[in-house]
């Protein structure tokens, strides 16, 4: 508890923020029963769903509370990895 987040708001560098996660959601669990099918048909949509769950659980839901914001978070992950968001590698 009290761990600071390492987060880059604009895909450039990163900073440590004082925002702490939810003290109520100390552990999360969720089910994705179609995980194998979803992974092979649209892996980045599956990643977005997982990130959405994690962000809401840690009280950062305001960063993914719309499809556009969620897409931005996924795109920032691509940029961080050096992949073009318009053409990320296929798993």
Protein backbone atom coordinates (compact mmCIF):
# COMPACT_ATOMS: atom_id res chain seq x y z
CA UNK A 1 0.00 0.00 0.00
CA UNK A 2 1.23 3.49 -0.77
CA UNK A 3 3.22 2.30 -3.77
CA UNK A 4 3.55 5.02 -6.36
CA UNK A 5 2.66 4.47 -10.02
CA UNK A 6 5.17 4.65 -12.84
CA UNK A 7 3.12 6.11 -15.66
CA UNK A 8 3.66 8.05 -18.87
CA UNK A 9 0.67 10.21 -19.74
CA UNK A 10 1.87 11.05 -23.24
CA UNK A 11 4.05 8.12 -24.29
CA UNK A 12 7.22 10.14 -23.76
CA UNK A 13 9.33 9.27 -20.77
CA UNK A 14 7.63 8.37 -17.54
CA UNK A 15 7.07 9.91 -14.18
CA UNK A 16 6.22 8.64 -10.75
CA UNK A 17 2.84 9.87 -9.56
CA UNK A 18 1.42 9.95 -6.07
CA UNK A 19 -1.90 8.48 -7.20
CA UNK A 20 -2.53 5.33 -5.22
CA UNK A 21 -4.82 2.52 -6.20
CA UNK A 22 -8.07 1.64 -4.55
CA UNK A 23 -7.62 0.31 -1.05
CA UNK A 24 -10.82 -1.71 -1.51
CA UNK A 25 -9.55 -3.67 -4.50
CA UNK A 26 -6.46 -5.27 -3.03
CA UNK A 27 -6.91 -8.25 -5.29
CA UNK A 28 -8.83 -8.63 -8.50
CA UNK A 29 -10.13 -11.54 -10.44
CA UNK A 30 -12.06 -11.77 -13.64
CA UNK A 31 -13.03 -14.38 -16.13
CA UNK A 32 -12.60 -14.35 -19.86
CA UNK A 33 -14.12 -17.70 -20.85
CA UNK A 34 -13.39 -17.15 -24.53
CA UNK A 35 -9.75 -16.28 -23.92
CA UNK A 36 -8.21 -18.66 -26.48
CA UNK A 37 -10.63 -17.71 -29.23
CA UNK A 38 -10.35 -14.00 -28.38
CA UNK A 39 -6.57 -14.15 -28.33
CA UNK A 40 -6.34 -15.61 -31.80
CA UNK A 41 -9.12 -13.53 -33.36
CA UNK A 42 -8.29 -10.11 -31.85
CA UNK A 43 -5.45 -10.18 -29.31
CA UNK A 44 -5.32 -6.41 -28.84
CA UNK A 45 -9.03 -6.22 -28.02
CA UNK A 46 -8.42 -8.88 -25.38
CA UNK A 47 -5.48 -6.85 -24.04
CA UNK A 48 -7.70 -3.77 -23.90
CA UNK A 49 -10.33 -5.67 -21.88
CA UNK A 50 -7.70 -6.86 -19.42
CA UNK A 51 -6.21 -3.37 -19.09
CA UNK A 52 -9.67 -1.90 -18.59
CA UNK A 53 -10.28 -4.29 -15.69
CA UNK A 54 -6.91 -3.52 -14.12
CA UNK A 55 -7.31 0.26 -14.46
CA UNK A 56 -10.80 0.27 -12.92
CA UNK A 57 -9.65 -2.02 -10.12
CA UNK A 58 -6.80 0.33 -9.26
CA UNK A 59 -8.98 3.47 -9.24
CA UNK A 60 -7.65 4.73 -12.58
CA UNK A 61 -10.90 4.13 -14.43
CA UNK A 62 -10.93 7.73 -15.64
CA UNK A 63 -8.06 6.80 -17.96
CA UNK A 64 -10.08 4.08 -19.72
CA UNK A 65 -13.72 5.11 -19.26
CA UNK A 66 -14.41 5.47 -22.98
CA UNK A 67 -13.42 3.42 -26.03
CA UNK A 68 -11.21 6.28 -27.26
CA UNK A 69 -9.32 6.49 -23.95
CA UNK A 70 -8.89 2.73 -23.81
CA UNK A 71 -7.55 2.71 -27.36
CA UNK A 72 -5.08 5.44 -26.39
CA UNK A 73 -3.76 3.33 -23.50
CA UNK A 74 -3.26 0.35 -25.82
CA UNK A 75 -1.61 2.60 -28.43
CA UNK A 76 0.75 3.96 -25.77
CA UNK A 77 1.75 0.37 -25.04
CA UNK A 78 2.56 -0.15 -28.72
CA UNK A 79 4.61 3.05 -28.82
CA UNK A 80 6.44 2.03 -25.64
CA UNK A 81 7.40 -1.25 -27.33
CA UNK A 82 8.46 0.56 -30.50
CA UNK A 83 5.53 -0.74 -32.56
CA UNK A 84 3.47 1.53 -34.80
CA UNK A 85 -0.05 1.68 -33.34
CA UNK A 86 -1.52 1.47 -36.84
CA UNK A 87 0.30 -1.81 -37.55
CA UNK A 88 1.35 -3.66 -34.37
CA UNK A 89 2.93 -7.09 -34.75
CA UNK A 90 0.66 -10.10 -34.89
CA UNK A 91 1.15 -12.66 -32.13
